[in-house]
Amino acid sequence: MTHETKVQDIAKSLRKAITAFEVAPDPEPESKSKGVHHLADRLLMARLKAVQARLSAFREPGSKMARVSQLRKLQTRERELEAQGGAGILKEFRFPGSVF
C-alpha cells in the first residue's frame, strides 16, 4: 500500500464516520465524535508521511534532481499540514461536531 493509497482510504473512512455521526441518535454522538477525531488525526499523519516520502525520494542518491520549486512546494505543503492539525482536517471535511 502506498502512502497516497493510505491517505485515500483514511479519507474515505473519515467521510463515512462523519455521515454516521450526522445520523446517530442523540446518546451516541459523543462516542462517534471521538472516532471522527481519531480518523482526522490519522489522516493528518498519513498526509504528512506521504509528503515526507515524496521529499525523501527527491533527496535519495541517484534520483532525478528535483527542481527547487518542487521541493519548496512540498516543504510548504508539509508546513501547512502541520499548522492545520486535526482541526483543519475536520474543517476541510465540514464536520459539524468539530470542537477544538
Protein backbone atom coordinates (compact mmCIF):
# COMPACT_ATOMS: atom_id res chain seq x y z
CA MET A 1 0.00 0.00 0.00
CA THR A 2 1.43 3.38 -0.96
CA HIS A 3 1.23 6.47 1.20
CA GLU A 4 -1.22 8.04 -1.25
CA THR A 5 -3.48 4.97 -1.16
CA LYS A 6 -3.47 5.08 2.63
CA VAL A 7 -4.45 8.76 2.53
CA GLN A 8 -7.35 7.95 0.20
CA ASP A 9 -8.52 5.03 2.35
CA ILE A 10 -8.47 7.04 5.57
CA ALA A 11 -10.24 9.98 3.89
CA LYS A 12 -12.97 7.59 2.73
CA SER A 13 -13.31 6.19 6.26
CA LEU A 14 -13.49 9.71 7.66
CA ARG A 15 -16.32 10.62 5.27
CA LYS A 16 -18.23 7.51 6.37
CA ALA A 17 -17.65 8.28 10.04
CA ILE A 18 -18.91 11.84 9.61
CA THR A 19 -22.03 10.55 7.87
CA ALA A 20 -22.59 8.08 10.73
CA PHE A 21 -22.13 10.92 13.24
CA GLU A 22 -24.70 13.08 11.46
CA VAL A 23 -27.39 10.37 11.56
CA ALA A 24 -26.56 9.00 15.03
CA PRO A 25 -29.26 9.16 17.71
CA ASP A 26 -28.68 11.70 20.49
CA PRO A 27 -26.99 9.40 23.06
CA GLU A 28 -24.32 8.25 20.59
CA PRO A 29 -22.72 11.37 19.09
CA GLU A 30 -20.01 11.70 21.73
CA SER A 31 -18.53 8.27 21.06
CA LYS A 32 -18.87 8.73 17.31
CA SER A 33 -17.27 12.16 17.61
CA LYS A 34 -14.19 10.59 19.22
CA GLY A 35 -13.93 8.20 16.29
CA VAL A 36 -14.14 11.06 13.81
CA HIS A 37 -11.43 13.00 15.66
CA HIS A 38 -9.21 9.91 15.71
CA LEU A 39 -9.63 9.43 11.95
CA ALA A 40 -8.86 13.12 11.35
CA ASP A 41 -5.61 12.71 13.27
CA ARG A 42 -4.76 9.55 11.32
CA LEU A 43 -5.47 11.34 8.03
CA LEU A 44 -3.23 14.21 9.04
CA MET A 45 -0.38 11.82 9.87
CA ALA A 46 -0.89 9.87 6.63
CA ARG A 47 -0.80 13.08 4.59
CA LEU A 48 2.37 14.19 6.36
CA LYS A 49 4.01 10.82 5.73
CA ALA A 50 3.05 11.00 2.05
CA VAL A 51 4.63 14.44 1.67
CA GLN A 52 7.70 13.37 3.62
CA ALA A 53 8.09 10.26 1.44
CA ARG A 54 8.00 12.40 -1.68
CA LEU A 55 10.57 14.77 -0.19
CA SER A 56 12.76 11.82 0.75
CA ALA A 57 12.56 10.40 -2.77
CA PHE A 58 13.91 13.67 -4.17
CA ARG A 59 16.84 13.56 -1.78
CA GLU A 60 17.94 9.97 -2.47
CA PRO A 61 21.21 9.47 -4.30
CA GLY A 62 20.70 8.59 -7.92
CA SER A 63 17.21 10.06 -8.06
CA LYS A 64 16.35 12.64 -10.65
CA MET A 65 17.23 16.07 -9.46
CA ALA A 66 14.11 17.82 -8.31
CA ARG A 67 13.53 21.35 -9.27
CA VAL A 68 13.85 23.79 -6.43
CA SER A 69 10.23 24.84 -6.98
CA GLN A 70 9.02 21.26 -6.48
CA LEU A 71 10.95 20.92 -3.24
CA ARG A 72 9.67 24.24 -1.95
CA LYS A 73 6.13 23.31 -2.84
CA LEU A 74 6.38 20.04 -0.89
CA GLN A 75 8.03 21.76 2.06
CA THR A 76 5.29 24.39 2.08
CA ARG A 77 2.63 21.66 1.99
CA GLU A 78 4.33 19.92 4.91
CA ARG A 79 4.29 23.14 6.98
CA GLU A 80 0.64 23.78 6.07
CA LEU A 81 -0.38 20.30 7.21
CA GLU A 82 1.48 20.69 10.48
CA ALA A 83 -0.14 24.09 11.08
CA GLN A 84 -3.71 22.98 10.31
CA GLY A 85 -3.63 19.93 12.58
CA GLY A 86 -6.64 17.73 13.17
CA ALA A 87 -8.92 20.75 13.47
CA GLY A 88 -8.08 21.77 9.92
CA ILE A 89 -8.91 18.30 8.64
CA LEU A 90 -12.29 18.40 10.39
CA LYS A 91 -12.97 21.83 8.94
CA GLU A 92 -11.99 20.62 5.47
CA PHE A 93 -14.47 17.74 5.78
CA ARG A 94 -17.12 20.08 7.24
CA PHE A 95 -17.51 18.06 10.43
CA PRO A 96 -20.46 19.60 12.32
CA GLY A 97 -19.19 18.50 15.74
CA SER A 98 -15.68 19.90 15.47
CA VAL A 99 -14.85 21.47 18.79
CA PHE A 100 -11.15 22.02 19.38
